[in-house]
Each structure stands twice: as C-alpha cells, then as structure tokens.
PDB file of N, CA and C in Angstrom:
ATOM      1  N   UNK A   1       0.841 -35.314  -6.179  1.00  0.00           N
ATOM      2  CA  UNK A   1       0.970 -34.148  -5.547  1.00  0.00           C
ATOM      3  C   UNK A   1       2.316 -33.078  -6.223  1.00  0.00           C
ATOM      4  N   UNK A   2       1.736 -31.730  -6.438  1.00  0.00           N
ATOM      5  CA  UNK A   2       2.832 -30.782  -6.817  1.00  0.00           C
ATOM      6  C   UNK A   2       4.087 -30.405  -6.134  1.00  0.00           C
ATOM      7  N   UNK A   3       4.953 -30.027  -6.777  1.00  0.00           N
ATOM      8  CA  UNK A   3       5.896 -29.913  -6.567  1.00  0.00           C
ATOM      9  C   UNK A   3       6.108 -28.474  -6.152  1.00  0.00           C
ATOM     10  N   UNK A   4       6.281 -27.839  -4.935  1.00  0.00           N
ATOM     11  CA  UNK A   4       6.783 -26.477  -4.642  1.00  0.00           C
ATOM     12  C   UNK A   4       6.843 -26.190  -3.468  1.00  0.00           C
ATOM     13  N   UNK A   5       6.792 -25.155  -2.694  1.00  0.00           N
ATOM     14  CA  UNK A   5       6.740 -24.603  -1.362  1.00  0.00           C
ATOM     15  C   UNK A   5       8.519 -25.152  -0.815  1.00  0.00           C
ATOM     16  N   UNK A   6       8.204 -25.524   0.411  1.00  0.00           N
ATOM     17  CA  UNK A   6       8.639 -26.122   1.075  1.00  0.00           C
ATOM     18  C   UNK A   6       9.129 -27.418   1.006  1.00  0.00           C
ATOM     19  N   UNK A   7       8.459 -28.249   0.360  1.00  0.00           N
ATOM     20  CA  UNK A   7       8.838 -29.558  -0.281  1.00  0.00           C
ATOM     21  C   UNK A   7      10.445 -29.986  -0.778  1.00  0.00           C
ATOM     22  N   UNK A   8      11.106 -29.241  -1.420  1.00  0.00           N
ATOM     23  CA  UNK A   8      11.910 -29.258  -2.135  1.00  0.00           C
ATOM     24  C   UNK A   8      12.853 -28.673  -1.198  1.00  0.00           C
ATOM     25  N   UNK A   9      13.133 -28.020  -0.227  1.00  0.00           N
ATOM     26  CA  UNK A   9      13.866 -28.125   0.807  1.00  0.00           C
ATOM     27  C   UNK A   9      14.286 -28.397   1.829  1.00  0.00           C
ATOM     28  N   UNK A  10      15.000 -28.369   2.729  1.00  0.00           N
ATOM     29  CA  UNK A  10      15.252 -29.045   4.098  1.00  0.00           C
ATOM     30  C   UNK A  10      16.363 -28.306   4.765  1.00  0.00           C
ATOM     31  N   UNK A  11      16.242 -28.289   6.352  1.00  0.00           N
ATOM     32  CA  UNK A  11      17.209 -28.102   7.175  1.00  0.00           C
ATOM     33  C   UNK A  11      17.875 -29.362   7.089  1.00  0.00           C
ATOM     34  N   UNK A  12      19.308 -28.877   7.121  1.00  0.00           N
ATOM     35  CA  UNK A  12      20.474 -29.843   7.278  1.00  0.00           C
ATOM     36  C   UNK A  12      20.330 -30.439   8.667  1.00  0.00           C
ATOM     37  N   UNK A  13      20.870 -31.524   9.133  1.00  0.00           N
ATOM     38  CA  UNK A  13      21.142 -32.242  10.418  1.00  0.00           C
ATOM     39  C   UNK A  13      21.887 -31.134  11.164  1.00  0.00           C
ATOM     40  N   UNK A  14      21.802 -31.013  12.565  1.00  0.00           N
ATOM     41  CA  UNK A  14      22.812 -30.227  13.308  1.00  0.00           C
ATOM     42  C   UNK A  14      24.188 -30.682  13.125  1.00  0.00           C
ATOM     43  N   UNK A  15      25.276 -29.609  12.863  1.00  0.00           N
ATOM     44  CA  UNK A  15      26.389 -30.191  12.613  1.00  0.00           C
ATOM     45  C   UNK A  15      27.193 -30.868  11.204  1.00  0.00           C
ATOM     46  N   UNK A  16      25.927 -30.324  10.446  1.00  0.00           N
ATOM     47  CA  UNK A  16      25.879 -30.771   9.251  1.00  0.00           C
ATOM     48  C   UNK A  16      25.860 -29.804   7.986  1.00  0.00           C
ATOM     49  N   UNK A  17      26.511 -29.575   6.774  1.00  0.00           N
ATOM     50  CA  UNK A  17      26.889 -28.940   6.278  1.00  0.00           C
ATOM     51  C   UNK A  17      25.453 -28.938   4.729  1.00  0.00           C
ATOM     52  N   UNK A  18      24.849 -28.173   4.803  1.00  0.00           N
ATOM     53  CA  UNK A  18      23.681 -28.631   3.588  1.00  0.00           C
ATOM     54  C   UNK A  18      24.280 -28.561   2.358  1.00  0.00           C
ATOM     55  N   UNK A  19      23.505 -29.022   0.926  1.00  0.00           N
ATOM     56  CA  UNK A  19      24.335 -29.246  -0.340  1.00  0.00           C
ATOM     57  C   UNK A  19      23.995 -27.878  -1.462  1.00  0.00           C
ATOM     58  N   UNK A  20      22.987 -26.608  -0.931  1.00  0.00           N
ATOM     59  CA  UNK A  20      23.276 -25.563  -1.822  1.00  0.00           C
ATOM     60  C   UNK A  20      24.061 -25.163  -1.491  1.00  0.00           C
ATOM     61  N   UNK A  21      24.370 -23.882  -2.676  1.00  0.00           N
ATOM     62  CA  UNK A  21      25.379 -23.046  -2.250  1.00  0.00           C
ATOM     63  C   UNK A  21      25.047 -21.900  -1.601  1.00  0.00           C
ATOM     64  N   UNK A  22      25.399 -21.236  -1.243  1.00  0.00           N
ATOM     65  CA  UNK A  22      25.507 -19.864  -0.535  1.00  0.00           C
ATOM     66  C   UNK A  22      24.247 -18.771  -1.015  1.00  0.00           C
ATOM     67  N   UNK A  23      24.105 -19.203  -2.203  1.00  0.00           N
ATOM     68  CA  UNK A  23      22.718 -18.050  -2.684  1.00  0.00           C
ATOM     69  C   UNK A  23      22.145 -19.293  -3.891  1.00  0.00           C
ATOM     70  N   UNK A  24      21.320 -20.005  -2.979  1.00  0.00           N
ATOM     71  CA  UNK A  24      20.794 -20.610  -4.540  1.00  0.00           C
ATOM     72  C   UNK A  24      19.226 -19.927  -5.014  1.00  0.00           C
ATOM     73  N   UNK A  25      18.917 -18.941  -4.698  1.00  0.00           N
ATOM     74  CA  UNK A  25      17.943 -18.272  -5.229  1.00  0.00           C
ATOM     75  C   UNK A  25      18.532 -17.195  -5.452  1.00  0.00           C
ATOM     76  N   UNK A  26      18.029 -16.755  -6.928  1.00  0.00           N
ATOM     77  CA  UNK A  26      18.193 -15.647  -7.479  1.00  0.00           C
ATOM     78  C   UNK A  26      16.474 -14.682  -7.793  1.00  0.00           C
ATOM     79  N   UNK A  27      16.833 -13.322  -7.318  1.00  0.00           N
ATOM     80  CA  UNK A  27      15.407 -12.585  -7.587  1.00  0.00           C
ATOM     81  C   UNK A  27      15.356 -11.681  -9.107  1.00  0.00           C
ATOM     82  N   UNK A  28      14.227 -11.345  -9.770  1.00  0.00           N
ATOM     83  CA  UNK A  28      14.385 -10.723 -10.690  1.00  0.00           C
ATOM     84  C   UNK A  28      15.037  -9.676 -10.884  1.00  0.00           C
ATOM     85  N   UNK A  29      15.049  -9.653 -12.255  1.00  0.00           N
ATOM     86  CA  UNK A  29      16.055  -8.852 -12.739  1.00  0.00           C
ATOM     87  C   UNK A  29      15.128  -7.217 -12.094  1.00  0.00           C
ATOM     88  N   UNK A  30      16.627  -6.349 -11.851  1.00  0.00           N
ATOM     89  CA  UNK A  30      16.549  -4.838 -11.623  1.00  0.00           C
ATOM     90  C   UNK A  30      16.573  -4.097 -13.107  1.00  0.00           C
ATOM     91  N   UNK A  31      16.153  -3.324 -13.095  1.00  0.00           N
ATOM     92  CA  UNK A  31      15.315  -2.481 -14.124  1.00  0.00           C
ATOM     93  C   UNK A  31      14.688  -0.657 -13.601  1.00  0.00           C
ATOM     94  N   UNK A  32      15.853   0.121 -13.609  1.00  0.00           N
ATOM     95  CA  UNK A  32      15.588   1.587 -13.965  1.00  0.00           C
ATOM     96  C   UNK A  32      16.443   2.633 -14.660  1.00  0.00           C
ATOM     97  N   UNK A  33      15.795   3.525 -15.083  1.00  0.00           N
ATOM     98  CA  UNK A  33      16.172   4.408 -15.879  1.00  0.00           C
ATOM     99  C   UNK A  33      15.390   5.527 -15.396  1.00  0.00           C
ATOM    100  N   UNK A  34      16.902   6.876 -15.275  1.00  0.00           N
ATOM    101  CA  UNK A  34      16.626   7.964 -14.677  1.00  0.00           C
ATOM    102  C   UNK A  34      16.955   8.520 -15.800  1.00  0.00           C
ATOM    103  N   UNK A  35      16.513   9.943 -15.950  1.00  0.00           N
ATOM    104  CA  UNK A  35      16.083  10.837 -17.094  1.00  0.00           C
ATOM    105  C   UNK A  35      16.770  12.762 -16.030  1.00  0.00           C
ATOM    106  N   UNK A  36      17.683  13.034 -17.024  1.00  0.00           N
ATOM    107  CA  UNK A  36      17.800  14.857 -16.679  1.00  0.00           C
ATOM    108  C   UNK A  36      17.565  15.155 -17.407  1.00  0.00           C
ATOM    109  N   UNK A  37      17.150  16.480 -17.465  1.00  0.00           N
ATOM    110  CA  UNK A  37      17.172  17.924 -17.784  1.00  0.00           C
ATOM    111  C   UNK A  37      18.023  18.740 -17.667  1.00  0.00           C
ATOM    112  N   UNK A  38      19.081  19.252 -18.387  1.00  0.00           N
ATOM    113  CA  UNK A  38      19.377  20.818 -17.978  1.00  0.00           C
ATOM    114  C   UNK A  38      19.264  22.066 -18.912  1.00  0.00           C
ATOM    115  N   UNK A  39      19.012  22.962 -18.497  1.00  0.00           N
ATOM    116  CA  UNK A  39      19.340  24.442 -19.449  1.00  0.00           C
ATOM    117  C   UNK A  39      19.670  25.356 -19.087  1.00  0.00           C
ATOM    118  N   UNK A  40      20.703  25.867 -19.227  1.00  0.00           N
ATOM    119  CA  UNK A  40      21.587  27.112 -18.778  1.00  0.00           C
ATOM    120  C   UNK A  40      21.174  28.206 -19.946  1.00  0.00           C
ATOM    121  N   UNK A  41      20.935  29.225 -18.787  1.00  0.00           N
ATOM    122  CA  UNK A  41      20.676  30.592 -19.938  1.00  0.00           C
ATOM    123  C   UNK A  41      21.052  31.800 -19.235  1.00  0.00           C
ATOM    124  N   UNK A  42      22.340  32.684 -20.335  1.00  0.00           N
ATOM    125  CA  UNK A  42      22.976  33.802 -19.694  1.00  0.00           C
ATOM    126  C   UNK A  42      22.002  34.672 -19.482  1.00  0.00           C
ATOM    127  N   UNK A  43      22.730  35.375 -18.106  1.00  0.00           N
ATOM    128  CA  UNK A  43      21.564  36.278 -17.712  1.00  0.00           C
ATOM    129  C   UNK A  43      22.802  37.456 -18.202  1.00  0.00           C
ATOM    130  N   UNK A  44      23.814  37.977 -17.726  1.00  0.00           N
ATOM    131  CA  UNK A  44      24.969  38.318 -17.947  1.00  0.00           C
ATOM    132  C   UNK A  44      26.246  37.659 -18.475  1.00  0.00           C
ATOM    133  N   UNK A  45      27.101  38.172 -18.694  1.00  0.00           N
ATOM    134  CA  UNK A  45      28.170  38.194 -18.890  1.00  0.00           C
ATOM    135  C   UNK A  45      28.884  36.776 -18.367  1.00  0.00           C
ATOM    136  N   UNK A  46      29.030  37.104 -16.875  1.00  0.00           N
ATOM    137  CA  UNK A  46      29.392  36.401 -15.992  1.00  0.00           C
ATOM    138  C   UNK A  46      28.511  35.611 -14.833  1.00  0.00           C
ATOM    139  N   UNK A  47      26.752  35.531 -14.919  1.00  0.00           N
ATOM    140  CA  UNK A  47      25.859  35.093 -14.302  1.00  0.00           C
ATOM    141  C   UNK A  47      25.339  34.253 -15.439  1.00  0.00           C
ATOM    142  N   UNK A  48      24.410  33.408 -14.684  1.00  0.00           N
ATOM    143  CA  UNK A  48      23.683  32.254 -15.306  1.00  0.00           C
ATOM    144  C   UNK A  48      22.241  31.392 -14.799  1.00  0.00           C
ATOM    145  N   UNK A  49      21.226  31.219 -15.830  1.00  0.00           N
ATOM    146  CA  UNK A  49      20.603  31.197 -14.470  1.00  0.00           C
ATOM    147  C   UNK A  49      20.188  29.558 -15.236  1.00  0.00           C
ATOM    148  N   UNK A  50      20.689  28.246 -14.325  1.00  0.00           N
ATOM    149  CA  UNK A  50      20.045  26.584 -14.881  1.00  0.00           C
ATOM    150  C   UNK A  50      19.021  26.235 -14.352  1.00  0.00           C
ATOM    151  N   UNK A  51      18.092  25.528 -15.082  1.00  0.00           N
ATOM    152  CA  UNK A  51      17.227  25.175 -14.835  1.00  0.00           C
ATOM    153  C   UNK A  51      17.299  23.604 -14.822  1.00  0.00           C
ATOM    154  N   UNK A  52      17.042  22.683 -14.077  1.00  0.00           N
ATOM    155  CA  UNK A  52      17.424  20.987 -13.954  1.00  0.00           C
ATOM    156  C   UNK A  52      15.828  20.329 -13.624  1.00  0.00           C
ATOM    157  N   UNK A  53      15.718  19.282 -14.530  1.00  0.00           N
ATOM    158  CA  UNK A  53      14.558  18.562 -14.246  1.00  0.00           C
ATOM    159  C   UNK A  53      14.884  17.119 -14.073  1.00  0.00           C
ATOM    160  N   UNK A  54      14.843  16.431 -13.124  1.00  0.00           N
ATOM    161  CA  UNK A  54      15.550  15.142 -12.720  1.00  0.00           C
ATOM    162  C   UNK A  54      14.039  14.258 -12.656  1.00  0.00           C
ATOM    163  N   UNK A  55      14.546  12.893 -13.080  1.00  0.00           N
ATOM    164  CA  UNK A  55      13.347  11.996 -13.130  1.00  0.00           C
ATOM    165  C   UNK A  55      13.599  10.936 -12.818  1.00  0.00           C
ATOM    166  N   UNK A  56      13.766  10.060 -11.521  1.00  0.00           N
ATOM    167  CA  UNK A  56      14.077   8.483 -11.234  1.00  0.00           C
ATOM    168  C   UNK A  56      13.066   7.615 -11.320  1.00  0.00           C
ATOM    169  N   UNK A  57      13.738   6.529 -11.961  1.00  0.00           N
ATOM    170  CA  UNK A  57      12.703   5.981 -12.439  1.00  0.00           C
ATOM    171  C   UNK A  57      11.750   6.109 -13.254  1.00  0.00           C
ATOM    172  N   UNK A  58      12.048   6.362 -14.670  1.00  0.00           N
ATOM    173  CA  UNK A  58      10.982   7.302 -15.297  1.00  0.00           C
ATOM    174  C   UNK A  58       9.766   5.948 -15.916  1.00  0.00           C
ATOM    175  N   UNK A  59      10.287   5.046 -16.237  1.00  0.00           N
ATOM    176  CA  UNK A  59       8.923   4.094 -16.998  1.00  0.00           C
ATOM    177  C   UNK A  59       8.228   3.672 -15.574  1.00  0.00           C
ATOM    178  N   UNK A  60       8.539   4.087 -14.344  1.00  0.00           N
ATOM    179  CA  UNK A  60       7.917   3.777 -13.023  1.00  0.00           C
ATOM    180  C   UNK A  60       7.925   2.093 -12.868  1.00  0.00           C
ATOM    181  N   UNK A  61       8.841   1.476 -13.464  1.00  0.00           N
ATOM    182  CA  UNK A  61       9.071  -0.109 -13.215  1.00  0.00           C
ATOM    183  C   UNK A  61       8.666  -0.465 -11.767  1.00  0.00           C
ATOM    184  N   UNK A  62       8.035  -1.274 -11.706  1.00  0.00           N
ATOM    185  CA  UNK A  62       7.904  -2.100  -9.769  1.00  0.00           C
ATOM    186  C   UNK A  62       9.232  -3.107 -10.324  1.00  0.00           C
ATOM    187  N   UNK A  63      10.324  -2.932  -8.972  1.00  0.00           N
ATOM    188  CA  UNK A  63      11.448  -3.455  -9.015  1.00  0.00           C
ATOM    189  C   UNK A  63      10.893  -4.538  -8.096  1.00  0.00           C
ATOM    190  N   UNK A  64      11.124  -5.750  -8.183  1.00  0.00           N
ATOM    191  CA  UNK A  64      10.555  -6.536  -7.079  1.00  0.00           C
ATOM    192  C   UNK A  64      11.542  -7.479  -5.727  1.00  0.00           C
ATOM    193  N   UNK A  65      11.454  -7.326  -4.870  1.00  0.00           N
ATOM    194  CA  UNK A  65      12.539  -8.256  -3.703  1.00  0.00           C
ATOM    195  C   UNK A  65      12.463  -9.293  -4.331  1.00  0.00           C
ATOM    196  N   UNK A  66      13.659 -10.176  -3.786  1.00  0.00           N
ATOM    197  CA  UNK A  66      13.537 -11.514  -3.694  1.00  0.00           C
ATOM    198  C   UNK A  66      12.442 -12.235  -2.642  1.00  0.00           C
ATOM    199  N   UNK A  67      11.787 -13.741  -3.504  1.00  0.00           N
ATOM    200  CA  UNK A  67      11.189 -13.525  -2.409  1.00  0.00           C
ATOM    201  C   UNK A  67      11.743 -14.419  -0.489  1.00  0.00           C
ATOM    202  N   UNK A  68      10.891 -14.797  -0.054  1.00  0.00           N
ATOM    203  CA  UNK A  68      10.988 -14.888   1.127  1.00  0.00           C
ATOM    204  C   UNK A  68      12.003 -16.438   1.094  1.00  0.00           C
ATOM    205  N   UNK A  69      13.162 -16.367   1.614  1.00  0.00           N
ATOM    206  CA  UNK A  69      13.955 -17.660   1.559  1.00  0.00           C
ATOM    207  C   UNK A  69      14.120 -18.521   2.901  1.00  0.00           C
ATOM    208  N   UNK A  70      13.216 -17.710   3.861  1.00  0.00           N
ATOM    209  CA  UNK A  70      13.575 -18.854   5.339  1.00  0.00           C
ATOM    210  C   UNK A  70      12.346 -19.874   5.023  1.00  0.00           C
ATOM    211  N   UNK A  71      12.781 -20.909   5.339  1.00  0.00           N
ATOM    212  CA  UNK A  71      11.592 -22.211   4.684  1.00  0.00           C
ATOM    213  C   UNK A  71      10.993 -22.419   6.248  1.00  0.00           C
ATOM    214  N   UNK A  72      11.177 -21.600   7.390  1.00  0.00           N
ATOM    215  CA  UNK A  72      10.089 -21.989   8.311  1.00  0.00           C
ATOM    216  C   UNK A  72       8.976 -21.217   8.694  1.00  0.00           C
ATOM    217  N   UNK A  73       9.202 -20.216   7.181  1.00  0.00           N
ATOM    218  CA  UNK A  73       8.181 -18.851   7.648  1.00  0.00           C
ATOM    219  C   UNK A  73       7.083 -19.369   6.629  1.00  0.00           C
ATOM    220  N   UNK A  74       5.359 -19.028   6.742  1.00  0.00           N
ATOM    221  CA  UNK A  74       4.771 -18.989   6.412  1.00  0.00           C
ATOM    222  C   UNK A  74       4.599 -18.227   5.020  1.00  0.00           C
ATOM    223  N   UNK A  75       5.380 -17.986   4.929  1.00  0.00           N
ATOM    224  CA  UNK A  75       5.815 -16.763   3.233  1.00  0.00           C
ATOM    225  C   UNK A  75       6.680 -16.983   2.592  1.00  0.00           C
ATOM    226  N   UNK A  76       7.064 -18.307   3.019  1.00  0.00           N
ATOM    227  CA  UNK A  76       8.277 -19.168   2.349  1.00  0.00           C
ATOM    228  C   UNK A  76       8.031 -18.925   0.596  1.00  0.00           C
ATOM    229  N   UNK A  77       8.841 -18.110  -0.336  1.00  0.00           N
ATOM    230  CA  UNK A  77       8.601 -18.213  -1.698  1.00  0.00           C
ATOM    231  C   UNK A  77       7.748 -17.268  -2.358  1.00  0.00           C
ATOM    232  N   UNK A  78       7.117 -15.781  -1.520  1.00  0.00           N
ATOM    233  CA  UNK A  78       6.344 -15.609  -1.577  1.00  0.00           C
ATOM    234  C   UNK A  78       7.255 -14.321  -1.821  1.00  0.00           C
ATOM    235  N   UNK A  79       6.864 -13.032  -2.762  1.00  0.00           N
ATOM    236  CA  UNK A  79       7.350 -11.663  -2.728  1.00  0.00           C
ATOM    237  C   UNK A  79       6.977 -10.700  -2.252  1.00  0.00           C
ATOM    238  N   UNK A  80       7.378  -9.717  -1.258  1.00  0.00           N
ATOM    239  CA  UNK A  80       6.437  -9.642  -0.377  1.00  0.00           C
ATOM    240  C   UNK A  80       6.124  -7.454  -0.684  1.00  0.00           C
ATOM    241  N   UNK A  81       7.749  -7.731  -1.123  1.00  0.00           N
ATOM    242  CA  UNK A  81       8.051  -5.934  -1.353  1.00  0.00           C
ATOM    243  C   UNK A  81       8.849  -5.913  -2.493  1.00  0.00           C
ATOM    244  N   UNK A  82       9.060  -4.122  -2.957  1.00  0.00           N
ATOM    245  CA  UNK A  82       9.821  -4.247  -3.838  1.00  0.00           C
ATOM    246  C   UNK A  82      10.846  -2.956  -3.250  1.00  0.00           C
ATOM    247  N   UNK A  83      11.919  -3.064  -4.460  1.00  0.00           N
ATOM    248  CA  UNK A  83      13.114  -2.909  -4.613  1.00  0.00           C
ATOM    249  C   UNK A  83      13.432  -1.131  -4.388  1.00  0.00           C
ATOM    250  N   UNK A  84      12.976  -1.201  -5.405  1.00  0.00           N
ATOM    251  CA  UNK A  84      13.038   0.388  -5.234  1.00  0.00           C
ATOM    252  C   UNK A  84      11.695   1.272  -5.293  1.00  0.00           C
ATOM    253  N   UNK A  85      12.061   2.824  -5.142  1.00  0.00           N
ATOM    254  CA  UNK A  85      10.989   3.545  -5.147  1.00  0.00           C
ATOM    255  C   UNK A  85       9.966   3.805  -6.575  1.00  0.00           C
ATOM    256  N   UNK A  86       8.567   3.740  -6.270  1.00  0.00           N
ATOM    257  CA  UNK A  86       8.313   4.480  -7.475  1.00  0.00           C
ATOM    258  C   UNK A  86       8.691   6.123  -8.884  1.00  0.00           C
ATOM    259  N   UNK A  87       8.155   6.057  -9.520  1.00  0.00           N
ATOM    260  CA  UNK A  87       8.950   7.301  -9.853  1.00  0.00           C
ATOM    261  C   UNK A  87       8.904   8.774  -9.013  1.00  0.00           C
ATOM    262  N   UNK A  88      10.340   9.508  -9.521  1.00  0.00           N
ATOM    263  CA  UNK A  88      10.347  10.685  -8.397  1.00  0.00           C
ATOM    264  C   UNK A  88      11.092  11.161  -9.026  1.00  0.00           C
ATOM    265  N   UNK A  89      10.502  12.913  -9.125  1.00  0.00           N
ATOM    266  CA  UNK A  89      10.875  13.827 -10.054  1.00  0.00           C
ATOM    267  C   UNK A  89      11.292  14.902  -9.217  1.00  0.00           C
ATOM    268  N   UNK A  90      11.857  15.758  -9.534  1.00  0.00           N
ATOM    269  CA  UNK A  90      12.406  17.016  -8.659  1.00  0.00           C
ATOM    270  C   UNK A  90      12.609  17.884  -9.423  1.00  0.00           C
ATOM    271  N   UNK A  91      12.313  19.546  -9.142  1.00  0.00           N
ATOM    272  CA  UNK A  91      12.914  20.485 -10.248  1.00  0.00           C
ATOM    273  C   UNK A  91      14.139  21.343  -9.134  1.00  0.00           C
ATOM    274  N   UNK A  92      14.834  21.984 -10.147  1.00  0.00           N
ATOM    275  CA  UNK A  92      15.311  23.136  -9.361  1.00  0.00           C
ATOM    276  C   UNK A  92      16.010  23.971 -10.127  1.00  0.00           C
ATOM    277  N   UNK A  93      16.185  25.090  -9.386  1.00  0.00           N
ATOM    278  CA  UNK A  93      16.530  26.699 -10.428  1.00  0.00           C
ATOM    279  C   UNK A  93      17.384  27.190  -9.557  1.00  0.00           C
ATOM    280  N   UNK A  94      18.790  27.716  -9.977  1.00  0.00           N
ATOM    281  CA  UNK A  94      19.974  27.766  -9.792  1.00  0.00           C
ATOM    282  C   UNK A  94      20.377  28.974 -10.251  1.00  0.00           C
ATOM    283  N   UNK A  95      21.039  29.643  -9.278  1.00  0.00           N
ATOM    284  CA  UNK A  95      21.877  31.334  -9.989  1.00  0.00           C
ATOM    285  C   UNK A  95      22.999  31.050  -9.558  1.00  0.00           C
ATOM    286  N   UNK A  96      23.646  30.794 -11.159  1.00  0.00           N
ATOM    287  CA  UNK A  96      24.942  30.754 -10.724  1.00  0.00           C
ATOM    288  C   UNK A  96      25.858  32.045 -11.169  1.00  0.00           C
ATOM    289  N   UNK A  97      26.894  32.655 -10.564  1.00  0.00           N
ATOM    290  CA  UNK A  97      27.943  33.961 -10.817  1.00  0.00           C
ATOM    291  C   UNK A  97      29.051  33.858 -10.401  1.00  0.00           C
TER     292      UNK A  97
END
C-alpha cells in the first residue's frame, strides 16, 4: 500500500490533544518581483511631467496556495488555488506644478 493521503493523519479522540504542531504543513515558496520605471521631464522652471510605468509580478510566477489540510475533505492534500495575481501593469502620466 502506498503512503499518502489521509492514512498519514488521524483526528484525535474527543477531549484529547493531537501530536502535531499548530502548522505542520508548509506551502511552497512565494516569489514575486515588482518593477517600476519613472521619468520626470521638466516643462518649465516650476513644473514637470512625470511618466510612471509599474509592473507587478514581472516574471508572471504562479504562486500556489497551501494544500487543503482538512482530512475529512475529498480534496485533502491537493493544491486548488494560487495566492497572487498574474502579471499586472499600470501606466500613469502626472503633471506636477
């Protein structure tokens, strides 16, 4: 019989404490890399125009959530979602005086 799934875990008896720590399962690493580009151009002596380009999750990494830890669930041990959003970009143009 292959080990895995719910055979490795068991609910403690009512009124008893389990043997595991509070967080026995750790999820995968979280990696995001954000990038921004800013350029200010003088228009007059007291005013300038600012161009800003921001990229969140530049390399578009999929950061997965921890697996389902409810041993009574049919999806126990499966990763069903991601933690972060996919790549997002925003551009802004601002006039400062």
